[in-house]
Each structure stands twice: as C-alpha cells, then as structure tokens.
Amino acid sequence: MLKATAIYKAYGQLPILKGVDIEVQKSEIVTIVGASGAGKSTLLNILGTLDTPDSGQLFINDVELNKLNNKKLSDFRNRQIGFIFQFHHLLAEFDALENVCIPAFIAGMPKAQAEKRAKELLDMLGLSSRFDHKPSQLSGGEQQRVAVARALINEPSLIFADEPSGNLDSNNARDLHELFVRLRKEFKQTFIIVTHNEELANISDRKVFMKDGLIEQVA
C-alpha cells in the first residue's frame, strides 16, 4: 500500500532523515518508535504528504506522489489519507457532527450523505449522544474519538497518527489503542503511528525503530 525509498530530509544544514526505506501493507498497524530527535515525526509528515522530502520516492496505492502538483496532491490527501494528532485539533466553534463532516465537505460529499456517514461513525465510537456537543463540552477521550471519526469520514486508505494517545490518561489511552485494533479488524484499516507509548507499540504488527534519521531495526 505504501512504499518509500531513499527518503532524505534536512532543515538548513541539519540532516533529519538520511535515506529511509519503508513499506507498509494493507491492514497493517505499523508503529514508528525511537528517542526524541530520531526523525519519527518528520518521516510521518513526509509519508502523509504534509511535508516533502529533499529526495526520494513515495508511492501510495501505486501513485507516485512526488509527481503530483499541489492541487492533485491536496485532493489525494483529502480522499486517501486520514490524520490523528496528539492534540485533537477540533474546531471550537463547531459541534462534534460538524467537525467530523468537514473533510467530507471538502471532498464534495453532499451534506445529507456526509452527516449520515458522520453519525454512523460517531455512533460506532460510542458518541451517539454527543452529536451537538462542542469540543469544550467533551472529555479528552471523547475529543480524540471525534478526531478519529473525522479521520475516517472519507474512508481513507491510510491513517497516520502522531502520538495519538499522548494527551490521554491511561484508561482513555487504552480505549483508543483497542479502537485502532478494532478498526483494523472491522474495516481492514491501515495505520502508521508514531508513539512513545509501549502498550500501543506492542499491539502493532510491526515496530520500526528509528535512530539518528535512519531505520535501525524492524521487529
């Protein structure tokens, strides 16, 4: 599903990624682990098309993303990729249902269809009584589940997550980790996750260990 080869990235004179190769198969949960400064988030942002490498190739579903112009890359990202971050990034002025619908509206999905899909996702995530609640009215775990629903609304091929349980207490973190496994099982969803959480890393199919801008080991 994803293949990246010889990914290099530097910021000024500081090399961050020094020639990374990685492949991810459909329905895998792959975690990227390593010390702070190893290049994990930079790699995730490049794989998720939020940043561009200085050199190297990136393919998702056999599409060579390096060759897409900005408009086509933006459309691809919106339809094929979902994101979950450490902070939920929900829009404060919108309720849960509206927040989930935003990527679908951007993709051109009709309002009725988007709302139906959003309600189904929120219901599946145990939030059927929270449709009209704004982020400030939700708990941390609920906020992150709304963010998961938002990531799923366009039925993406891949979901990228950067420390998704970093702001959650241990119980909510465990619930979120179990949710990822459930989504993989029920929807064949593919995840690439940067995490320092050992429990989350241990439920993945593969752990990619990074050190000093290189993949040191895959287990």
C-alpha atoms as a PDB file:
ATOM      1  CA  MET A   1       0.000   0.000   0.000  1.00  0.00           C
ATOM      2  CA  LEU A   2       2.839   2.395   0.834  1.00  0.00           C
ATOM      3  CA  LYS A   3       6.430   2.326  -0.352  1.00  0.00           C
ATOM      4  CA  ALA A   4       9.046   4.977   0.339  1.00  0.00           C
ATOM      5  CA  THR A   5      12.637   4.712  -0.856  1.00  0.00           C
ATOM      6  CA  ALA A   6      15.762   6.733  -0.112  1.00  0.00           C
ATOM      7  CA  ILE A   7      13.961   9.499   1.775  1.00  0.00           C
ATOM      8  CA  TYR A   8      16.308  12.327   2.709  1.00  0.00           C
ATOM      9  CA  LYS A   9      15.357  15.498   4.558  1.00  0.00           C
ATOM     10  CA  ALA A  10      17.395  18.294   6.077  1.00  0.00           C
ATOM     11  CA  TYR A  11      16.457  21.595   7.673  1.00  0.00           C
ATOM     12  CA  GLY A  12      19.207  24.019   6.759  1.00  0.00           C
ATOM     13  CA  GLN A  13      22.490  22.280   7.499  1.00  0.00           C
ATOM     14  CA  LEU A  14      20.865  19.802   9.884  1.00  0.00           C
ATOM     15  CA  PRO A  15      20.141  16.370   8.330  1.00  0.00           C
ATOM     16  CA  ILE A  16      16.996  14.796   9.777  1.00  0.00           C
ATOM     17  CA  LEU A  17      16.361  11.773   7.530  1.00  0.00           C
ATOM     18  CA  LYS A  18      19.381  10.107   5.969  1.00  0.00           C
ATOM     19  CA  GLY A  19      17.980   7.669   3.426  1.00  0.00           C
ATOM     20  CA  VAL A  20      14.908   5.917   4.826  1.00  0.00           C
ATOM     21  CA  ASP A  21      13.225   2.960   3.096  1.00  0.00           C
ATOM     22  CA  ILE A  22       9.882   1.665   4.373  1.00  0.00           C
ATOM     23  CA  GLU A  23       6.995  -0.439   3.074  1.00  0.00           C
ATOM     24  CA  VAL A  24       3.554  -0.892   4.649  1.00  0.00           C
ATOM     25  CA  GLN A  25       0.974  -3.469   3.610  1.00  0.00           C
ATOM     26  CA  LYS A  26      -2.800  -3.084   3.620  1.00  0.00           C
ATOM     27  CA  SER A  27      -4.456  -3.632   7.026  1.00  0.00           C
ATOM     28  CA  GLU A  28      -1.184  -3.390   8.935  1.00  0.00           C
ATOM     29  CA  ILE A  29      -0.692  -1.430  12.121  1.00  0.00           C
ATOM     30  CA  VAL A  30       2.883  -0.175  11.976  1.00  0.00           C
ATOM     31  CA  THR A  31       4.371   1.873  14.803  1.00  0.00           C
ATOM     32  CA  ILE A  32       7.450   4.073  14.488  1.00  0.00           C
ATOM     33  CA  VAL A  33       9.402   4.305  17.731  1.00  0.00           C
ATOM     34  CA  GLY A  34      12.668   5.811  18.915  1.00  0.00           C
ATOM     35  CA  ALA A  35      14.147   8.579  21.011  1.00  0.00           C
ATOM     36  CA  SER A  36      13.148  12.206  20.572  1.00  0.00           C
ATOM     37  CA  GLY A  37      15.020  13.703  17.622  1.00  0.00           C
ATOM     38  CA  ALA A  38      15.304  10.398  15.763  1.00  0.00           C
ATOM     39  CA  GLY A  39      13.253  11.734  12.848  1.00  0.00           C
ATOM     40  CA  LYS A  40       9.977   9.915  13.537  1.00  0.00           C
ATOM     41  CA  SER A  41       7.550  12.814  13.130  1.00  0.00           C
ATOM     42  CA  THR A  42       9.448  14.178  10.135  1.00  0.00           C
ATOM     43  CA  LEU A  43       9.139  10.795   8.446  1.00  0.00           C
ATOM     44  CA  LEU A  44       5.450  10.570   9.316  1.00  0.00           C
ATOM     45  CA  ASN A  45       4.791  14.030   7.879  1.00  0.00           C
ATOM     46  CA  ILE A  46       6.574  13.119   4.650  1.00  0.00           C
ATOM     47  CA  LEU A  47       4.761   9.788   4.313  1.00  0.00           C
ATOM     48  CA  GLY A  48       1.491  11.611   4.972  1.00  0.00           C
ATOM     49  CA  THR A  49       2.345  14.270   2.327  1.00  0.00           C
ATOM     50  CA  LEU A  50       2.293  17.103   4.881  1.00  0.00           C
ATOM     51  CA  ASP A  51       5.950  17.719   4.109  1.00  0.00           C
ATOM     52  CA  THR A  52       8.169  16.987   1.106  1.00  0.00           C
ATOM     53  CA  PRO A  53      11.490  15.138   1.105  1.00  0.00           C
ATOM     54  CA  ASP A  54      14.642  16.673  -0.317  1.00  0.00           C
ATOM     55  CA  SER A  55      14.996  13.489  -2.359  1.00  0.00           C
ATOM     56  CA  GLY A  56      13.478  10.033  -2.578  1.00  0.00           C
ATOM     57  CA  GLN A  57      10.265   8.470  -3.844  1.00  0.00           C
ATOM     58  CA  LEU A  58       6.895   7.904  -2.188  1.00  0.00           C
ATOM     59  CA  PHE A  59       4.140   5.666  -3.553  1.00  0.00           C
ATOM     60  CA  ILE A  60       0.700   5.096  -2.029  1.00  0.00           C
ATOM     61  CA  ASN A  61      -1.599   2.677  -3.852  1.00  0.00           C
ATOM     62  CA  ASP A  62       0.851   2.721  -6.781  1.00  0.00           C
ATOM     63  CA  VAL A  63       0.530   6.506  -7.170  1.00  0.00           C
ATOM     64  CA  GLU A  64       3.899   8.285  -7.231  1.00  0.00           C
ATOM     65  CA  LEU A  65       3.101  11.270  -5.072  1.00  0.00           C
ATOM     66  CA  ASN A  66       6.292  13.175  -5.908  1.00  0.00           C
ATOM     67  CA  LYS A  67       4.922  13.742  -9.408  1.00  0.00           C
ATOM     68  CA  LEU A  68       1.566  15.258  -8.381  1.00  0.00           C
ATOM     69  CA  ASN A  69       1.045  19.006  -8.495  1.00  0.00           C
ATOM     70  CA  ASN A  70      -0.198  20.776  -5.364  1.00  0.00           C
ATOM     71  CA  LYS A  71      -3.892  20.581  -6.330  1.00  0.00           C
ATOM     72  CA  LYS A  72      -3.793  16.871  -7.167  1.00  0.00           C
ATOM     73  CA  LEU A  73      -1.733  16.132  -4.058  1.00  0.00           C
ATOM     74  CA  SER A  74      -4.213  18.020  -1.873  1.00  0.00           C
ATOM     75  CA  ASP A  75      -7.125  16.087  -3.407  1.00  0.00           C
ATOM     76  CA  PHE A  76      -5.284  12.791  -2.912  1.00  0.00           C
ATOM     77  CA  ARG A  77      -4.519  13.637   0.713  1.00  0.00           C
ATOM     78  CA  ASN A  78      -8.134  14.576   1.442  1.00  0.00           C
ATOM     79  CA  ARG A  79      -9.570  11.381  -0.066  1.00  0.00           C
ATOM     80  CA  GLN A  80      -6.917   8.779   0.679  1.00  0.00           C
ATOM     81  CA  ILE A  81      -5.288   9.818   3.952  1.00  0.00           C
ATOM     82  CA  GLY A  82      -6.594  10.440   7.469  1.00  0.00           C
ATOM     83  CA  PHE A  83      -4.702  12.106  10.297  1.00  0.00           C
ATOM     84  CA  ILE A  84      -4.870  11.808  14.078  1.00  0.00           C
ATOM     85  CA  PHE A  85      -2.570  14.014  16.138  1.00  0.00           C
ATOM     86  CA  GLN A  86      -1.652  14.261  19.814  1.00  0.00           C
ATOM     87  CA  PHE A  87      -3.943  17.275  20.116  1.00  0.00           C
ATOM     88  CA  HIS A  88      -7.371  16.725  18.580  1.00  0.00           C
ATOM     89  CA  HIS A  89      -7.391  19.962  16.501  1.00  0.00           C
ATOM     90  CA  LEU A  90     -11.196  20.104  16.540  1.00  0.00           C
ATOM     91  CA  LEU A  91     -12.672  23.474  15.605  1.00  0.00           C
ATOM     92  CA  ALA A  92     -14.050  25.041  18.786  1.00  0.00           C
ATOM     93  CA  GLU A  93     -16.998  26.796  17.132  1.00  0.00           C
ATOM     94  CA  PHE A  94     -18.383  23.598  15.571  1.00  0.00           C
ATOM     95  CA  ASP A  95     -20.074  20.669  17.281  1.00  0.00           C
ATOM     96  CA  ALA A  96     -18.869  17.069  17.028  1.00  0.00           C
ATOM     97  CA  LEU A  97     -21.004  16.228  13.993  1.00  0.00           C
ATOM     98  CA  GLU A  98     -19.865  19.323  12.094  1.00  0.00           C
ATOM     99  CA  ASN A  99     -16.207  18.684  12.911  1.00  0.00           C
ATOM    100  CA  VAL A 100     -16.428  15.143  11.560  1.00  0.00           C
ATOM    101  CA  CYS A 101     -18.145  16.321   8.368  1.00  0.00           C
ATOM    102  CA  ILE A 102     -15.542  18.923   7.390  1.00  0.00           C
ATOM    103  CA  PRO A 103     -13.215  16.624   5.347  1.00  0.00           C
ATOM    104  CA  ALA A 104     -16.265  15.164   3.570  1.00  0.00           C
ATOM    105  CA  PHE A 105     -17.500  18.630   2.631  1.00  0.00           C
ATOM    106  CA  ILE A 106     -14.039  19.493   1.297  1.00  0.00           C
ATOM    107  CA  ALA A 107     -14.171  16.320  -0.814  1.00  0.00           C
ATOM    108  CA  GLY A 108     -17.512  17.417  -2.262  1.00  0.00           C
ATOM    109  CA  MET A 109     -19.721  14.897  -0.486  1.00  0.00           C
ATOM    110  CA  PRO A 110     -23.383  16.011  -0.328  1.00  0.00           C
ATOM    111  CA  LYS A 111     -24.401  17.357   3.103  1.00  0.00           C
ATOM    112  CA  ALA A 112     -27.001  14.661   3.805  1.00  0.00           C
ATOM    113  CA  GLN A 113     -24.587  11.876   2.895  1.00  0.00           C
ATOM    114  CA  ALA A 114     -21.776  13.382   4.953  1.00  0.00           C
ATOM    115  CA  GLU A 115     -23.977  13.796   8.026  1.00  0.00           C
ATOM    116  CA  LYS A 116     -25.303  10.243   7.703  1.00  0.00           C
ATOM    117  CA  ARG A 117     -21.760   8.865   7.496  1.00  0.00           C
ATOM    118  CA  ALA A 118     -20.610  11.062  10.394  1.00  0.00           C
ATOM    119  CA  LYS A 119     -23.481   9.915  12.603  1.00  0.00           C
ATOM    120  CA  GLU A 120     -22.707   6.274  11.821  1.00  0.00           C
ATOM    121  CA  LEU A 121     -19.071   6.768  12.792  1.00  0.00           C
ATOM    122  CA  LEU A 122     -19.831   8.697  15.971  1.00  0.00           C
ATOM    123  CA  ASP A 123     -22.391   6.078  16.948  1.00  0.00           C
ATOM    124  CA  MET A 124     -19.858   3.295  16.348  1.00  0.00           C
ATOM    125  CA  LEU A 125     -17.393   5.160  18.566  1.00  0.00           C
ATOM    126  CA  GLY A 126     -19.914   5.462  21.402  1.00  0.00           C
ATOM    127  CA  LEU A 127     -20.695   9.139  20.820  1.00  0.00           C
ATOM    128  CA  SER A 128     -24.297   8.997  19.627  1.00  0.00           C
ATOM    129  CA  SER A 129     -25.352  11.330  22.466  1.00  0.00           C
ATOM    130  CA  ARG A 130     -22.621  13.859  21.659  1.00  0.00           C
ATOM    131  CA  PHE A 131     -23.515  14.932  18.097  1.00  0.00           C
ATOM    132  CA  ASP A 132     -24.346  18.519  19.097  1.00  0.00           C
ATOM    133  CA  HIS A 133     -21.641  18.937  21.750  1.00  0.00           C
ATOM    134  CA  LYS A 134     -18.786  21.320  21.080  1.00  0.00           C
ATOM    135  CA  PRO A 135     -15.192  20.253  21.872  1.00  0.00           C
ATOM    136  CA  SER A 136     -15.185  22.170  25.160  1.00  0.00           C
ATOM    137  CA  GLN A 137     -18.143  20.043  26.290  1.00  0.00           C
ATOM    138  CA  LEU A 138     -16.343  16.753  25.620  1.00  0.00           C
ATOM    139  CA  SER A 139     -13.830  14.827  27.706  1.00  0.00           C
ATOM    140  CA  GLY A 140     -10.311  14.285  26.393  1.00  0.00           C
ATOM    141  CA  GLY A 141     -11.133  10.737  25.326  1.00  0.00           C
ATOM    142  CA  GLU A 142     -14.312  11.894  23.592  1.00  0.00           C
ATOM    143  CA  GLN A 143     -12.460  14.658  21.774  1.00  0.00           C
ATOM    144  CA  GLN A 144      -9.928  12.188  20.432  1.00  0.00           C
ATOM    145  CA  ARG A 145     -12.672   9.776  19.315  1.00  0.00           C
ATOM    146  CA  VAL A 146     -14.300  12.633  17.386  1.00  0.00           C
ATOM    147  CA  ALA A 147     -10.901  13.210  15.774  1.00  0.00           C
ATOM    148  CA  VAL A 148     -10.783   9.511  14.845  1.00  0.00           C
ATOM    149  CA  ALA A 149     -14.237   9.765  13.251  1.00  0.00           C
ATOM    150  CA  ARG A 150     -13.075  12.813  11.307  1.00  0.00           C
ATOM    151  CA  ALA A 151     -10.053  10.855  10.067  1.00  0.00           C
ATOM    152  CA  LEU A 152     -12.339   8.026   8.894  1.00  0.00           C
ATOM    153  CA  ILE A 153     -15.101  10.054   7.201  1.00  0.00           C
ATOM    154  CA  ASN A 154     -13.683   9.803   3.669  1.00  0.00           C
ATOM    155  CA  GLU A 155     -12.818   6.104   4.042  1.00  0.00           C
ATOM    156  CA  PRO A 156      -9.071   6.708   3.635  1.00  0.00           C
ATOM    157  CA  SER A 157      -6.598   4.061   2.566  1.00  0.00           C
ATOM    158  CA  LEU A 158      -4.188   5.056   5.317  1.00  0.00           C
ATOM    159  CA  ILE A 159      -4.409   6.721   8.693  1.00  0.00           C
ATOM    160  CA  PHE A 160      -1.330   8.465  10.085  1.00  0.00           C
ATOM    161  CA  ALA A 161      -1.233   9.123  13.811  1.00  0.00           C
ATOM    162  CA  ASP A 162       1.378  11.151  15.712  1.00  0.00           C
ATOM    163  CA  GLU A 163       1.377  10.367  19.447  1.00  0.00           C
ATOM    164  CA  PRO A 164      -2.429   9.899  19.327  1.00  0.00           C
ATOM    165  CA  SER A 165      -2.722   8.928  22.998  1.00  0.00           C
ATOM    166  CA  GLY A 166      -0.072  11.351  24.266  1.00  0.00           C
ATOM    167  CA  ASN A 167      -2.610  13.680  25.910  1.00  0.00           C
ATOM    168  CA  LEU A 168      -4.841  10.945  27.354  1.00  0.00           C
ATOM    169  CA  ASP A 169      -4.884   9.262  30.737  1.00  0.00           C
ATOM    170  CA  SER A 170      -4.054   5.561  30.862  1.00  0.00           C
ATOM    171  CA  ASN A 171      -7.677   4.344  30.619  1.00  0.00           C
ATOM    172  CA  ASN A 172      -8.576   6.553  27.671  1.00  0.00           C
ATOM    173  CA  ALA A 173      -5.273   5.705  26.003  1.00  0.00           C
ATOM    174  CA  ARG A 174      -6.017   2.000  26.322  1.00  0.00           C
ATOM    175  CA  ASP A 175      -9.500   2.510  24.885  1.00  0.00           C
ATOM    176  CA  LEU A 176      -8.014   4.369  21.912  1.00  0.00           C
ATOM    177  CA  HIS A 177      -5.442   1.644  21.284  1.00  0.00           C
ATOM    178  CA  GLU A 178      -8.151  -1.020  21.357  1.00  0.00           C
ATOM    179  CA  LEU A 179     -10.157   1.103  18.920  1.00  0.00           C
ATOM    180  CA  PHE A 180      -7.308   1.031  16.402  1.00  0.00           C
ATOM    181  CA  VAL A 181      -7.205  -2.770  16.568  1.00  0.00           C
ATOM    182  CA  ARG A 182     -10.976  -2.920  16.150  1.00  0.00           C
ATOM    183  CA  LEU A 183     -10.903  -0.614  13.128  1.00  0.00           C
ATOM    184  CA  ARG A 184      -8.201  -2.728  11.529  1.00  0.00           C
ATOM    185  CA  LYS A 185     -10.246  -5.867  12.144  1.00  0.00           C
ATOM    186  CA  GLU A 186     -13.629  -4.497  11.025  1.00  0.00           C
ATOM    187  CA  PHE A 187     -12.593  -2.153   8.198  1.00  0.00           C
ATOM    188  CA  LYS A 188      -9.163  -3.516   7.193  1.00  0.00           C
ATOM    189  CA  GLN A 189      -7.873  -0.065   8.116  1.00  0.00           C
ATOM    190  CA  THR A 190      -4.145   0.589   7.777  1.00  0.00           C
ATOM    191  CA  PHE A 191      -2.332   2.648  10.429  1.00  0.00           C
ATOM    192  CA  ILE A 192       1.132   4.178  10.635  1.00  0.00           C
ATOM    193  CA  ILE A 193       1.637   5.514  14.144  1.00  0.00           C
ATOM    194  CA  VAL A 194       4.464   7.444  15.812  1.00  0.00           C
ATOM    195  CA  THR A 195       4.372   6.735  19.535  1.00  0.00           C
ATOM    196  CA  HIS A 196       6.372   6.647  22.750  1.00  0.00           C
ATOM    197  CA  ASN A 197       3.637   4.509  24.327  1.00  0.00           C
ATOM    198  CA  GLU A 198       4.978   0.982  24.795  1.00  0.00           C
ATOM    199  CA  GLU A 199       1.496  -0.521  25.102  1.00  0.00           C
ATOM    200  CA  LEU A 200       0.480   0.907  21.727  1.00  0.00           C
ATOM    201  CA  ALA A 201       3.759  -0.122  20.116  1.00  0.00           C
ATOM    202  CA  ASN A 202       3.312  -3.670  21.389  1.00  0.00           C
ATOM    203  CA  ILE A 203      -0.120  -4.161  19.803  1.00  0.00           C
ATOM    204  CA  SER A 204       1.185  -3.236  16.358  1.00  0.00           C
ATOM    205  CA  ASP A 205       2.041  -5.771  13.680  1.00  0.00           C
ATOM    206  CA  ARG A 206       5.495  -4.279  13.242  1.00  0.00           C
ATOM    207  CA  LYS A 207       7.652  -1.843  15.180  1.00  0.00           C
ATOM    208  CA  VAL A 208      10.010   0.339  13.182  1.00  0.00           C
ATOM    209  CA  PHE A 209      12.892   1.552  15.369  1.00  0.00           C
ATOM    210  CA  MET A 210      14.474   4.838  14.286  1.00  0.00           C
ATOM    211  CA  LYS A 211      17.776   6.297  15.419  1.00  0.00           C
ATOM    212  CA  ASP A 212      19.635   9.349  14.089  1.00  0.00           C
ATOM    213  CA  GLY A 213      17.496   9.685  10.971  1.00  0.00           C
ATOM    214  CA  LEU A 214      17.682   6.037   9.917  1.00  0.00           C
ATOM    215  CA  ILE A 215      15.614   2.915  10.453  1.00  0.00           C
ATOM    216  CA  GLU A 216      17.769   0.861  12.783  1.00  0.00           C
ATOM    217  CA  GLN A 217      15.561  -2.209  13.155  1.00  0.00           C
ATOM    218  CA  VAL A 218      12.133  -3.593  12.239  1.00  0.00           C
ATOM    219  CA  ALA A 219      10.525  -6.081  14.624  1.00  0.00           C
END
